[in-house]
Amino acid sequence: MSYQIEDYVLKGADVYRIVGVEERALGGLPPENYFVLDVAYPSKHKQGMSYIPVSKADMSIRPVPSEGDINALFDANEPGELEWVDNRNKRINEARGIISSGDLRQIVRLVRIYRKRSADVPDKELSTKDREMEGRCFDLLSHVMAASCDLSAERSSQLVDQLL
């Protein structure tokens, strides 16, 4: 994949914009070209710059999905819905794994299971950690939609909320 300056990319569970290419010598290694990435939508979880060797970009970053792919993510008939895990520690670890994988389909499923649980058991609130996991997933989906569809973060959040 060939990346250009100003492209939006996914690195882990965050959306970045490529803002430049710089030659750097890091850790005593010979100089190498690096993509300079800036967090596209700063949050309490992620902010600032990141550097990725151009030669290893395909292992570290991936393009944000197209607008058509984004719409397909929210297909309500998607098979493989996640199940609620009663053991809190196991549930949080599974959620962390899904978030770190960056698998947007699984992330949509995770938000839906959190929302379903809140609706099914209204007298029992999600734990603070569950709410944090749901929020991180929701933010990622909103940021990906904003970058893919050229929307404001606020508008994409509204749309994601409707689609979930």
Protein backbone atom coordinates (compact mmCIF):
# COMPACT_ATOMS: atom_id res chain seq x y z
CA MET A 1 0.00 0.00 0.00
CA SER A 2 1.32 3.42 -0.88
CA TYR A 3 0.51 6.17 1.61
CA GLN A 4 0.57 9.89 0.94
CA ILE A 5 0.81 12.97 3.14
CA GLU A 6 -2.69 13.96 4.36
CA ASP A 7 -3.98 10.35 4.19
CA TYR A 8 -5.96 9.13 7.16
CA VAL A 9 -4.73 5.80 8.52
CA LEU A 10 -5.50 3.43 11.36
CA LYS A 11 -2.72 2.58 13.79
CA GLY A 12 -3.92 0.23 16.47
CA ALA A 13 -7.26 1.55 17.63
CA ASP A 14 -6.75 5.18 16.66
CA VAL A 15 -7.14 7.31 13.54
CA TYR A 16 -4.11 9.31 12.46
CA ARG A 17 -3.33 11.69 9.61
CA ILE A 18 0.02 11.43 7.84
CA VAL A 19 1.49 14.92 8.17
CA GLY A 20 4.94 14.36 6.73
CA VAL A 21 7.94 12.17 6.04
CA GLU A 22 11.21 12.74 7.92
CA GLU A 23 14.60 11.11 7.89
CA ARG A 24 15.60 10.13 11.43
CA ALA A 25 18.27 8.07 13.11
CA LEU A 26 16.66 6.43 16.13
CA GLY A 27 18.27 4.17 18.70
CA GLY A 28 21.71 4.32 17.12
CA LEU A 29 20.43 2.79 13.87
CA PRO A 30 21.25 4.23 10.44
CA PRO A 31 18.95 7.05 9.27
CA GLU A 32 15.65 5.94 7.82
CA ASN A 33 12.56 7.67 6.41
CA TYR A 34 9.60 7.80 8.79
CA PHE A 35 5.98 8.73 8.29
CA VAL A 36 5.02 11.40 10.81
CA LEU A 37 1.53 10.65 12.11
CA ASP A 38 -0.62 13.04 14.09
CA VAL A 39 -3.68 11.83 15.99
CA ALA A 40 -6.61 13.00 13.88
CA TYR A 41 -9.04 13.14 16.81
CA PRO A 42 -7.14 13.64 20.09
CA SER A 43 -8.68 12.09 23.19
CA LYS A 44 -7.67 11.34 26.75
CA HIS A 45 -6.46 7.96 25.47
CA LYS A 46 -4.33 9.18 22.59
CA GLN A 47 -2.75 12.44 21.51
CA GLY A 48 0.46 13.64 19.90
CA MET A 49 2.74 12.40 17.16
CA SER A 50 3.89 8.96 16.17
CA TYR A 51 6.67 7.88 13.81
CA ILE A 52 6.46 4.80 11.60
CA PRO A 53 9.31 3.63 9.35
CA VAL A 54 8.17 3.99 5.74
CA SER A 55 9.70 0.57 5.01
CA LYS A 56 7.48 -1.05 7.67
CA ALA A 57 4.32 1.00 7.22
CA ASP A 58 2.27 -1.93 5.91
CA MET A 59 2.93 -3.80 9.18
CA SER A 60 2.02 -0.86 11.42
CA ILE A 61 -0.72 1.15 9.75
CA ARG A 62 -3.64 0.48 7.45
CA PRO A 63 -5.91 2.75 5.43
CA VAL A 64 -9.22 3.84 6.88
CA PRO A 65 -12.09 1.97 5.23
CA SER A 66 -13.93 3.54 2.31
CA GLU A 67 -17.33 5.15 2.82
CA GLY A 68 -18.97 2.03 1.35
CA ASP A 69 -17.05 -0.23 3.71
CA ILE A 70 -18.10 1.95 6.64
CA ASN A 71 -21.76 1.57 5.73
CA ALA A 72 -21.34 -2.21 5.51
CA LEU A 73 -19.85 -2.29 9.03
CA PHE A 74 -23.18 -1.38 10.53
CA ASP A 75 -25.20 -4.03 8.69
CA ALA A 76 -27.66 -5.24 11.33
CA ASN A 77 -27.76 -8.75 9.84
CA GLU A 78 -24.07 -9.37 10.42
CA PRO A 79 -23.56 -12.91 11.75
CA GLY A 80 -21.40 -13.70 14.73
CA GLU A 81 -22.85 -11.49 17.43
CA LEU A 82 -20.87 -11.48 20.66
CA GLU A 83 -22.33 -12.86 23.87
CA TRP A 84 -22.27 -11.11 27.23
CA VAL A 85 -19.56 -12.55 29.49
CA ASP A 86 -20.63 -12.54 33.15
CA ASN A 87 -17.09 -12.69 34.54
CA ARG A 88 -16.07 -9.02 34.65
CA ASN A 89 -12.30 -9.58 34.36
CA LYS A 90 -12.69 -11.95 31.43
CA ARG A 91 -15.16 -9.58 29.74
CA ILE A 92 -12.82 -6.58 30.10
CA ASN A 93 -9.83 -8.59 28.82
CA GLU A 94 -11.85 -9.73 25.80
CA ALA A 95 -12.95 -6.14 25.16
CA ARG A 96 -9.33 -4.93 25.36
CA GLY A 97 -8.30 -7.63 22.89
CA ILE A 98 -11.02 -6.60 20.44
CA ILE A 99 -10.10 -2.93 20.72
CA SER A 100 -6.37 -3.57 20.25
CA SER A 101 -7.06 -5.78 17.23
CA GLY A 102 -8.62 -2.80 15.45
CA ASP A 103 -11.18 -5.18 13.90
CA LEU A 104 -13.97 -2.72 13.21
CA ARG A 105 -16.64 -5.40 12.74
CA GLN A 106 -15.84 -6.85 16.15
CA ILE A 107 -15.80 -3.36 17.63
CA VAL A 108 -19.31 -2.70 16.27
CA ARG A 109 -20.42 -6.00 17.81
CA LEU A 110 -18.83 -5.08 21.14
CA VAL A 111 -20.64 -1.73 21.35
CA ARG A 112 -23.89 -3.46 20.46
CA ILE A 113 -23.48 -6.05 23.21
CA TYR A 114 -22.81 -3.28 25.75
CA ARG A 115 -25.90 -1.40 24.60
CA LYS A 116 -28.00 -4.55 24.57
CA ARG A 117 -26.90 -5.35 28.11
CA SER A 118 -27.84 -1.84 29.26
CA ALA A 119 -31.27 -2.20 27.66
CA ASP A 120 -31.88 -5.77 28.90
CA VAL A 121 -30.82 -5.07 32.48
CA PRO A 122 -31.73 -1.40 33.06
CA ASP A 123 -31.53 -1.66 36.85
CA LYS A 124 -27.86 -2.74 36.69
CA GLU A 125 -25.44 -0.20 35.27
CA LEU A 126 -22.32 -1.13 33.34
CA SER A 127 -19.14 -0.99 35.38
CA THR A 128 -16.87 2.02 35.00
CA LYS A 129 -14.41 -0.11 33.01
CA ASP A 130 -17.20 -1.43 30.74
CA ARG A 131 -18.34 2.14 30.08
CA GLU A 132 -14.75 3.09 29.28
CA MET A 133 -14.41 0.18 26.83
CA GLU A 134 -17.74 1.06 25.17
CA GLY A 135 -16.67 4.71 24.93
CA ARG A 136 -13.33 3.85 23.33
CA CYS A 137 -15.09 1.66 20.77
CA PHE A 138 -17.69 4.31 20.03
CA ASP A 139 -15.01 7.00 19.64
CA LEU A 140 -13.00 4.84 17.25
CA LEU A 141 -16.06 4.12 15.10
CA SER A 142 -16.98 7.82 15.07
CA HIS A 143 -13.44 8.85 14.14
CA VAL A 144 -13.19 6.28 11.36
CA MET A 145 -16.53 7.44 9.95
CA ALA A 146 -15.46 11.10 10.16
CA ALA A 147 -12.22 10.38 8.30
CA SER A 148 -13.79 8.09 5.70
CA CYS A 149 -16.85 10.20 4.95
CA ASP A 150 -15.29 13.67 5.41
CA LEU A 151 -17.61 14.55 8.30
CA SER A 152 -17.11 16.53 11.47
CA ALA A 153 -16.44 14.44 14.56
CA GLU A 154 -19.74 15.65 16.03
CA ARG A 155 -21.80 14.68 12.96
CA SER A 156 -20.12 11.28 12.66
CA SER A 157 -20.83 10.60 16.36
CA GLN A 158 -24.51 11.31 15.76
CA LEU A 159 -24.58 8.97 12.75
CA VAL A 160 -22.73 6.17 14.53
CA ASP A 161 -25.14 6.48 17.44
CA GLN A 162 -28.08 6.08 15.05
CA LEU A 163 -26.50 3.14 13.20
CA LEU A 164 -25.70 1.20 16.35
